[in-house]
């Protein structure tokens, strides 16, 4: 179950409470579902009860208890706990985790993308500064992944080395005159979204542009090459000063870009090695830790296995993409990829059988989880304009 699907389940719980006369409120258009904060528990949490308490004329804790009773029976929801002033903390069931991995493997690198084009048209503009151009390029890619039509504009023409090395493009220069040969095409979506952007622009030519103006790069990043240069400019938040140094090139754990690309390359190596051993990925329940898994086997009344921490990070990917698009913040995606990489690395050592051990359902499920993480890492890097190599 993805955060978007869980948000729909929360809204369905609100509708049922309204239909049964337990709450007298207007059902909101959306319910925000996030990772639990301090004091929370489970896989996700929502503040919908606090949001509805005042219009319902009831204490938030009472609203939360009403919604808990309706949400607890939803498909894929294993448990709902009320904490604090009225937060609903939701734990997903094992079948929901399996369905999540199946969805990611089915959609591949496009997991988290919108299902189709939206009605949104977003014109972007930036000064002729290397970080601003790279950030605008990444923002355009992320917006297109969410179905928006995008039109990019730079105040002046781009140096050819920015195009050649950094892979950036703009649609228009200066006041809006098109430059021959330049295109905003990005992957398979480019031609379609470019055409839609042209149609939107002809309908609303005076729509104000969103100005992309991050803190400028302290020096020319081209010496880093495309991947490291883009990461150096995109990983920091827009208001932070980027570090343009060769630290982004070193292949060690302290380098976040290396960890992300290394984690992806390891997932691909596991798939190849598993094929040599005669087995492939098959989504299934994955124990969150060896210790808990052992406890489940020896206990007379075992508690349900909670999802692996990596599953929570993967389920959060569509929400991260939506927020990165809404806030024009590719740094959110970059930091999320680091979190996914850090969550998958401990899993990699236990995916393949050891010694004389035979491949089991557990190995197939761990491989499926690792492959799902690889798909998210590859898709996220692609949206940042960075290569995901299968060998490092």
Protein backbone atom coordinates (compact mmCIF):
# COMPACT_ATOMS: atom_id res chain seq x y z
CA UNK A 1 0.00 0.00 0.00
CA UNK A 2 1.43 3.35 -1.05
CA UNK A 3 0.93 6.59 0.93
CA UNK A 4 -1.48 7.75 -1.78
CA UNK A 5 -3.59 4.60 -1.38
CA UNK A 6 -3.45 4.90 2.40
CA UNK A 7 -4.57 8.53 2.15
CA UNK A 8 -7.61 7.34 0.18
CA UNK A 9 -8.34 4.77 2.90
CA UNK A 10 -8.22 7.51 5.54
CA UNK A 11 -10.68 9.62 3.53
CA UNK A 12 -12.96 6.59 3.14
CA UNK A 13 -12.94 6.23 6.93
CA UNK A 14 -13.98 9.87 7.27
CA UNK A 15 -16.80 9.36 4.75
CA UNK A 16 -18.09 6.31 6.61
CA UNK A 17 -18.07 8.23 9.90
CA UNK A 18 -20.00 11.07 8.25
CA UNK A 19 -22.47 8.71 6.59
CA UNK A 20 -23.17 6.99 9.92
CA UNK A 21 -23.76 10.31 11.67
CA UNK A 22 -20.72 10.08 13.95
CA UNK A 23 -19.11 13.20 12.47
CA UNK A 24 -20.78 16.28 11.00
CA UNK A 25 -18.02 17.65 8.78
CA UNK A 26 -17.23 18.19 5.14
CA UNK A 27 -14.96 15.42 3.90
CA UNK A 28 -11.62 17.03 3.00
CA UNK A 29 -10.12 16.63 -0.46
CA UNK A 30 -6.95 15.03 0.86
CA UNK A 31 -5.51 13.46 3.99
CA UNK A 32 -1.81 13.98 4.68
CA UNK A 33 -0.03 10.72 5.50
CA UNK A 34 3.58 10.86 6.71
CA UNK A 35 6.19 8.82 8.53
CA UNK A 36 5.42 8.90 12.30
CA UNK A 37 7.15 11.63 14.28
CA UNK A 38 8.63 11.42 17.79
CA UNK A 39 6.32 9.46 20.07
CA UNK A 40 4.56 7.84 17.13
CA UNK A 41 4.55 4.21 16.05
CA UNK A 42 3.71 2.01 13.10
CA UNK A 43 4.48 2.73 9.46
CA UNK A 44 2.51 5.94 8.84
CA UNK A 45 0.69 8.64 10.76
CA UNK A 46 -1.96 11.25 9.92
CA UNK A 47 -3.23 14.35 11.72
CA UNK A 48 -6.65 14.18 10.08
CA UNK A 49 -8.40 14.01 13.48
CA UNK A 50 -6.78 17.27 14.60
CA UNK A 51 -7.77 18.83 11.29
CA UNK A 52 -11.43 17.84 11.71
CA UNK A 53 -11.82 18.42 15.46
CA UNK A 54 -12.86 22.08 15.32
CA UNK A 55 -15.38 21.79 12.43
CA UNK A 56 -16.77 18.62 14.07
CA UNK A 57 -17.17 20.39 17.42
CA UNK A 58 -15.55 17.44 19.21
CA UNK A 59 -12.19 16.87 20.92
CA UNK A 60 -9.47 15.62 18.58
CA UNK A 61 -9.03 12.45 20.65
CA UNK A 62 -12.73 11.62 20.25
CA UNK A 63 -12.52 12.22 16.47
CA UNK A 64 -9.42 10.04 16.32
CA UNK A 65 -11.17 7.17 18.12
CA UNK A 66 -14.13 7.40 15.74
CA UNK A 67 -11.85 7.27 12.71
CA UNK A 68 -9.71 4.53 14.22
CA UNK A 69 -12.67 2.18 14.38
CA UNK A 70 -13.42 2.70 10.69
CA UNK A 71 -9.81 2.66 9.49
CA UNK A 72 -8.76 -0.44 11.43
CA UNK A 73 -10.83 -2.67 9.14
CA UNK A 74 -9.51 -1.29 5.88
CA UNK A 75 -7.70 -3.61 3.47
CA UNK A 76 -3.98 -3.71 4.12
CA UNK A 77 -4.23 -2.01 7.55
CA UNK A 78 -3.08 -4.28 10.40
CA UNK A 79 -3.49 -1.88 13.32
CA UNK A 80 -4.29 1.75 14.18
CA UNK A 81 -3.11 3.41 17.40
CA UNK A 82 -4.02 6.90 18.66
CA UNK A 83 -1.12 8.84 20.18
CA UNK A 84 -0.54 12.35 21.48
CA UNK A 85 -3.35 14.87 21.03
CA UNK A 86 -5.03 12.74 18.34
CA UNK A 87 -2.58 11.38 15.79
CA UNK A 88 -3.61 8.18 14.03
CA UNK A 89 -0.61 5.81 13.76
CA UNK A 90 -1.13 3.11 11.16
CA UNK A 91 0.66 -0.22 10.81
CA UNK A 92 0.30 -2.00 7.49
CA UNK A 93 -0.30 -5.71 7.16
CA UNK A 94 2.10 -8.16 5.54
CA UNK A 95 -0.03 -8.54 2.41
CA UNK A 96 0.10 -4.78 1.93
CA UNK A 97 3.91 -4.90 1.99
CA UNK A 98 3.94 -7.67 -0.60
CA UNK A 99 1.56 -5.70 -2.83
CA UNK A 100 3.87 -2.68 -2.54
CA UNK A 101 6.88 -4.64 -3.79
CA UNK A 102 4.81 -6.15 -6.60
CA UNK A 103 3.74 -2.67 -7.70
CA UNK A 104 7.29 -1.33 -7.67
CA UNK A 105 8.61 -4.27 -9.68
CA UNK A 106 5.76 -3.86 -12.16
CA UNK A 107 6.30 -0.13 -12.67
CA UNK A 108 10.09 -0.19 -12.39
CA UNK A 109 11.87 3.14 -12.52
CA UNK A 110 8.53 4.87 -13.14
CA UNK A 111 7.15 3.91 -9.73
CA UNK A 112 5.80 7.08 -8.12
CA UNK A 113 5.03 8.71 -11.47
CA UNK A 114 1.56 10.08 -12.13
CA UNK A 115 -0.72 7.69 -14.00
CA UNK A 116 -1.30 10.24 -16.74
CA UNK A 117 -1.02 13.92 -17.65
CA UNK A 118 -2.56 16.47 -15.34
CA UNK A 119 -4.09 19.85 -16.13
CA UNK A 120 -1.10 21.64 -14.56
CA UNK A 121 1.10 23.89 -16.66
CA UNK A 122 4.22 25.19 -14.90
CA UNK A 123 6.41 27.79 -16.62
CA UNK A 124 9.87 27.96 -15.04
CA UNK A 125 12.55 30.60 -15.45
CA UNK A 126 16.06 31.08 -14.12
CA UNK A 127 19.09 33.37 -14.44
CA UNK A 128 22.12 32.37 -16.50
CA UNK A 129 23.87 30.74 -13.55
CA UNK A 130 24.98 27.12 -13.58
CA UNK A 131 23.27 25.96 -10.38
CA UNK A 132 20.02 27.71 -11.26
CA UNK A 133 19.96 26.04 -14.68
CA UNK A 134 20.69 22.57 -13.25
CA UNK A 135 18.06 22.97 -10.51
CA UNK A 136 15.48 24.17 -13.05
CA UNK A 137 16.27 21.18 -15.27
CA UNK A 138 15.75 18.75 -12.35
CA UNK A 139 12.56 20.51 -11.23
CA UNK A 140 11.20 20.22 -14.77
CA UNK A 141 11.95 16.49 -14.84
CA UNK A 142 10.22 15.90 -11.49
CA UNK A 143 7.19 17.99 -12.45
CA UNK A 144 6.80 16.02 -15.66
CA UNK A 145 6.93 12.78 -13.68
CA UNK A 146 3.85 14.06 -11.84
CA UNK A 147 1.99 14.71 -15.08
CA UNK A 148 2.56 18.47 -15.38
CA UNK A 149 3.39 20.25 -18.62
CA UNK A 150 6.51 22.37 -18.16
CA UNK A 151 8.07 25.23 -20.09
CA UNK A 152 11.60 26.37 -19.16
CA UNK A 153 13.23 29.71 -19.87
CA UNK A 154 16.67 31.15 -19.15
CA UNK A 155 17.50 34.86 -19.10
CA UNK A 156 20.35 34.29 -21.60
CA UNK A 157 21.72 31.53 -23.81
CA UNK A 158 23.52 28.59 -22.22
CA UNK A 159 27.22 27.92 -22.76
CA UNK A 160 27.65 24.84 -24.93
CA UNK A 161 29.70 23.05 -22.25
CA UNK A 162 26.73 23.24 -19.86
CA UNK A 163 24.65 21.44 -22.47
CA UNK A 164 27.36 18.92 -23.36
CA UNK A 165 28.64 18.10 -19.86
CA UNK A 166 25.68 18.77 -17.56
CA UNK A 167 22.96 17.67 -19.99
CA UNK A 168 20.75 20.75 -19.42
CA UNK A 169 18.29 22.21 -21.91
CA UNK A 170 15.94 25.17 -21.94
CA UNK A 171 12.96 25.86 -24.18
CA UNK A 172 13.29 29.61 -24.55
CA UNK A 173 15.88 32.30 -23.91
CA UNK A 174 15.39 35.87 -22.75
CA UNK A 175 11.94 37.24 -23.44
CA UNK A 176 10.57 34.01 -24.86
CA UNK A 177 11.99 33.59 -28.37
CA UNK A 178 12.55 29.95 -29.17
CA UNK A 179 16.10 28.76 -29.81
CA UNK A 180 16.41 26.39 -32.75
CA UNK A 181 17.43 22.89 -31.81
CA UNK A 182 16.70 23.26 -28.09
CA UNK A 183 14.05 21.11 -26.50
CA UNK A 184 12.66 20.35 -23.09
CA UNK A 185 12.29 16.67 -23.96
CA UNK A 186 13.25 14.40 -21.08
CA UNK A 187 13.03 10.67 -21.73
CA UNK A 188 9.85 9.21 -23.15
CA UNK A 189 7.72 11.95 -21.64
CA UNK A 190 9.57 14.81 -23.31
CA UNK A 191 7.82 15.08 -26.66
CA UNK A 192 4.35 14.74 -25.17
CA UNK A 193 4.89 17.22 -22.34
CA UNK A 194 6.66 19.65 -24.65
CA UNK A 195 3.70 19.63 -27.01
CA UNK A 196 1.26 20.06 -24.12
CA UNK A 197 3.37 22.92 -22.76
CA UNK A 198 3.15 24.65 -26.14
CA UNK A 199 -0.65 24.26 -26.15
CA UNK A 200 -0.92 25.58 -22.57
CA UNK A 201 1.35 28.51 -23.40
CA UNK A 202 -0.78 29.51 -26.36
CA UNK A 203 -3.86 29.49 -24.12
CA UNK A 204 -2.25 31.35 -21.20
CA UNK A 205 0.71 33.30 -22.63
CA UNK A 206 0.84 35.73 -19.68
CA UNK A 207 1.00 33.10 -16.94
CA UNK A 208 3.77 34.19 -14.53
CA UNK A 209 6.91 32.09 -14.43
CA UNK A 210 8.15 30.41 -11.27
CA UNK A 211 11.63 31.84 -10.74
CA UNK A 212 14.28 29.27 -9.84
CA UNK A 213 16.99 31.18 -7.96
CA UNK A 214 19.02 28.97 -5.61
CA UNK A 215 22.16 30.17 -3.84
CA UNK A 216 24.72 30.30 -6.70
CA UNK A 217 27.53 27.78 -7.03
CA UNK A 218 30.78 29.15 -5.57
CA UNK A 219 32.75 27.98 -8.61
CA UNK A 220 32.42 26.20 -11.94
CA UNK A 221 31.44 22.53 -11.27
CA UNK A 222 32.22 21.18 -14.73
CA UNK A 223 35.50 19.59 -13.60
CA UNK A 224 33.41 17.07 -11.61
CA UNK A 225 31.71 15.67 -14.69
CA UNK A 226 27.98 15.39 -15.21
CA UNK A 227 26.89 13.08 -12.38
CA UNK A 228 28.98 14.47 -9.52
CA UNK A 229 28.43 18.07 -10.64
CA UNK A 230 24.66 17.69 -10.75
CA UNK A 231 24.63 15.96 -7.36
CA UNK A 232 26.79 18.69 -5.82
CA UNK A 233 24.33 21.33 -7.03
CA UNK A 234 21.08 19.40 -6.32
CA UNK A 235 21.67 17.63 -3.00
CA UNK A 236 21.82 20.82 -0.86
CA UNK A 237 18.58 22.72 -0.25
CA UNK A 238 18.00 25.74 -2.48
CA UNK A 239 18.98 28.17 0.29
CA UNK A 240 22.19 26.30 1.18
CA UNK A 241 25.57 27.01 -0.37
CA UNK A 242 26.70 23.98 -2.40
CA UNK A 243 30.12 22.39 -1.85
CA UNK A 244 31.76 22.08 -5.25
CA UNK A 245 34.75 19.89 -4.40
CA UNK A 246 36.19 16.56 -5.48
CA UNK A 247 34.67 14.95 -2.36
CA UNK A 248 31.75 14.05 -4.65
CA UNK A 249 34.08 11.84 -6.70
CA UNK A 250 35.55 9.70 -3.93
CA UNK A 251 34.28 6.14 -3.69
CA UNK A 252 33.80 5.83 0.04
CA UNK A 253 30.93 5.65 2.50
CA UNK A 254 31.19 9.32 3.44
CA UNK A 255 30.08 10.30 -0.09
CA UNK A 256 26.23 10.15 -0.32
CA UNK A 257 26.28 9.95 -4.12
CA UNK A 258 28.61 6.96 -3.97
CA UNK A 259 26.35 5.22 -1.42
CA UNK A 260 23.30 5.69 -3.64
CA UNK A 261 25.00 4.47 -6.81
CA UNK A 262 26.79 1.66 -4.99
CA UNK A 263 23.52 0.44 -3.46
CA UNK A 264 21.93 0.38 -6.92
CA UNK A 265 24.88 -1.46 -8.47
CA UNK A 266 24.76 -4.04 -5.66
CA UNK A 267 21.06 -4.72 -6.27
CA UNK A 268 21.83 -5.40 -9.92
CA UNK A 269 24.72 -7.68 -8.98
CA UNK A 270 22.43 -9.64 -6.65
CA UNK A 271 19.98 -10.24 -9.50
CA UNK A 272 22.78 -11.56 -11.69
CA UNK A 273 24.21 -13.74 -8.93
CA UNK A 274 20.78 -15.12 -8.02
CA UNK A 275 20.24 -16.10 -11.66
CA UNK A 276 23.55 -17.99 -11.56
CA UNK A 277 22.24 -19.84 -8.49
CA UNK A 278 18.99 -20.70 -10.27
CA UNK A 279 16.44 -18.50 -8.51
CA UNK A 280 14.73 -15.17 -9.06
CA UNK A 281 12.81 -12.57 -7.08
CA UNK A 282 9.40 -13.39 -5.65
CA UNK A 283 7.70 -10.79 -3.41
CA UNK A 284 6.84 -12.03 0.05
CA UNK A 285 7.06 -11.07 3.73
CA UNK A 286 10.54 -9.93 4.76
CA UNK A 287 11.65 -9.94 8.38
CA UNK A 288 12.77 -6.52 9.66
CA UNK A 289 15.77 -8.02 11.45
CA UNK A 290 17.33 -11.42 12.05
CA UNK A 291 16.71 -11.14 15.78
CA UNK A 292 12.99 -10.48 15.42
CA UNK A 293 12.67 -13.22 12.79
CA UNK A 294 14.23 -15.73 15.20
CA UNK A 295 11.87 -14.62 17.95
CA UNK A 296 8.92 -15.19 15.62
CA UNK A 297 10.05 -18.76 14.97
CA UNK A 298 10.58 -19.68 18.63
CA UNK A 299 7.68 -17.86 20.27
CA UNK A 300 4.54 -19.85 21.09
CA UNK A 301 2.35 -16.85 20.33
CA UNK A 302 4.31 -14.80 17.80
CA UNK A 303 3.33 -11.22 17.06
CA UNK A 304 2.86 -10.19 13.43
CA UNK A 305 6.07 -9.27 11.67
CA UNK A 306 6.35 -5.54 11.11
CA UNK A 307 7.44 -4.37 7.66
CA UNK A 308 11.14 -4.08 6.91
CA UNK A 309 12.35 -0.45 7.37
CA UNK A 310 13.24 -0.39 3.68
CA UNK A 311 9.60 -1.09 2.76
CA UNK A 312 8.55 2.03 4.64
CA UNK A 313 11.11 4.11 2.72
CA UNK A 314 9.98 2.66 -0.61
CA UNK A 315 6.31 3.25 0.17
CA UNK A 316 7.16 6.88 0.88
CA UNK A 317 8.66 7.43 -2.58
CA UNK A 318 5.47 8.66 -4.35
CA UNK A 319 4.88 11.20 -1.56
CA UNK A 320 8.47 12.44 -1.81
CA UNK A 321 8.15 12.90 -5.57
CA UNK A 322 4.86 14.78 -5.14
CA UNK A 323 6.37 17.07 -2.49
CA UNK A 324 9.55 17.64 -4.51
CA UNK A 325 7.34 18.71 -7.43
CA UNK A 326 5.01 20.87 -5.32
CA UNK A 327 7.87 22.68 -3.57
CA UNK A 328 10.18 22.77 -6.62
CA UNK A 329 12.76 21.06 -4.40
CA UNK A 330 14.89 18.32 -6.04
CA UNK A 331 16.99 18.20 -2.84
CA UNK A 332 14.10 16.36 -1.17
CA UNK A 333 14.38 13.60 -3.73
CA UNK A 334 18.18 13.48 -3.39
CA UNK A 335 17.99 13.08 0.39
CA UNK A 336 15.28 10.43 0.03
CA UNK A 337 17.52 8.40 -2.27
CA UNK A 338 20.24 8.50 0.38
CA UNK A 339 17.72 7.22 2.94
CA UNK A 340 16.68 4.37 0.61
CA UNK A 341 20.31 3.45 -0.04
CA UNK A 342 21.13 3.45 3.68
CA UNK A 343 18.08 1.24 4.34
CA UNK A 344 18.90 -1.31 1.63
CA UNK A 345 22.63 -1.73 2.31
CA UNK A 346 22.18 -3.84 5.49
CA UNK A 347 19.77 -6.13 3.62
CA UNK A 348 22.16 -6.94 0.79
CA UNK A 349 24.37 -9.25 2.83
CA UNK A 350 21.52 -11.70 3.56
CA UNK A 351 19.86 -11.87 0.14
CA UNK A 352 21.87 -14.76 -1.30
CA UNK A 353 22.16 -18.22 0.30
CA UNK A 354 25.37 -18.90 2.19
CA UNK A 355 27.51 -22.02 1.95
CA UNK A 356 25.42 -25.12 1.34
CA UNK A 357 22.18 -23.26 2.05
CA UNK A 358 19.49 -23.72 -0.59
CA UNK A 359 17.48 -20.78 -2.00
CA UNK A 360 14.28 -20.39 -0.02
CA UNK A 361 11.15 -18.25 -0.10
CA UNK A 362 12.92 -15.86 2.28
CA UNK A 363 15.81 -15.40 -0.16
CA UNK A 364 13.40 -14.76 -3.03
CA UNK A 365 11.47 -12.21 -0.97
CA UNK A 366 14.65 -10.39 0.07
CA UNK A 367 15.80 -10.32 -3.54
CA UNK A 368 12.44 -8.83 -4.59
CA UNK A 369 12.80 -6.15 -1.93
CA UNK A 370 16.35 -5.38 -3.06
CA UNK A 371 15.25 -5.17 -6.71
CA UNK A 372 12.42 -2.82 -5.72
CA UNK A 373 14.94 -0.59 -3.96
CA UNK A 374 17.11 -0.66 -7.07
CA UNK A 375 14.17 0.45 -9.21
CA UNK A 376 13.49 3.41 -6.89
CA UNK A 377 17.16 4.40 -6.83
CA UNK A 378 17.47 4.20 -10.62
CA UNK A 379 14.24 6.13 -11.19
CA UNK A 380 15.18 8.82 -8.69
CA UNK A 381 18.68 9.29 -10.10
CA UNK A 382 17.21 9.55 -13.60
CA UNK A 383 14.91 12.38 -12.47
CA UNK A 384 17.96 14.18 -11.10
CA UNK A 385 19.69 13.69 -14.45
CA UNK A 386 22.28 11.33 -12.96
CA UNK A 387 23.37 7.97 -14.36
CA UNK A 388 22.73 4.75 -12.40
CA UNK A 389 25.57 2.38 -13.39
CA UNK A 390 25.10 -1.37 -12.99
CA UNK A 391 28.79 -1.84 -12.25
CA UNK A 392 30.98 0.23 -9.92
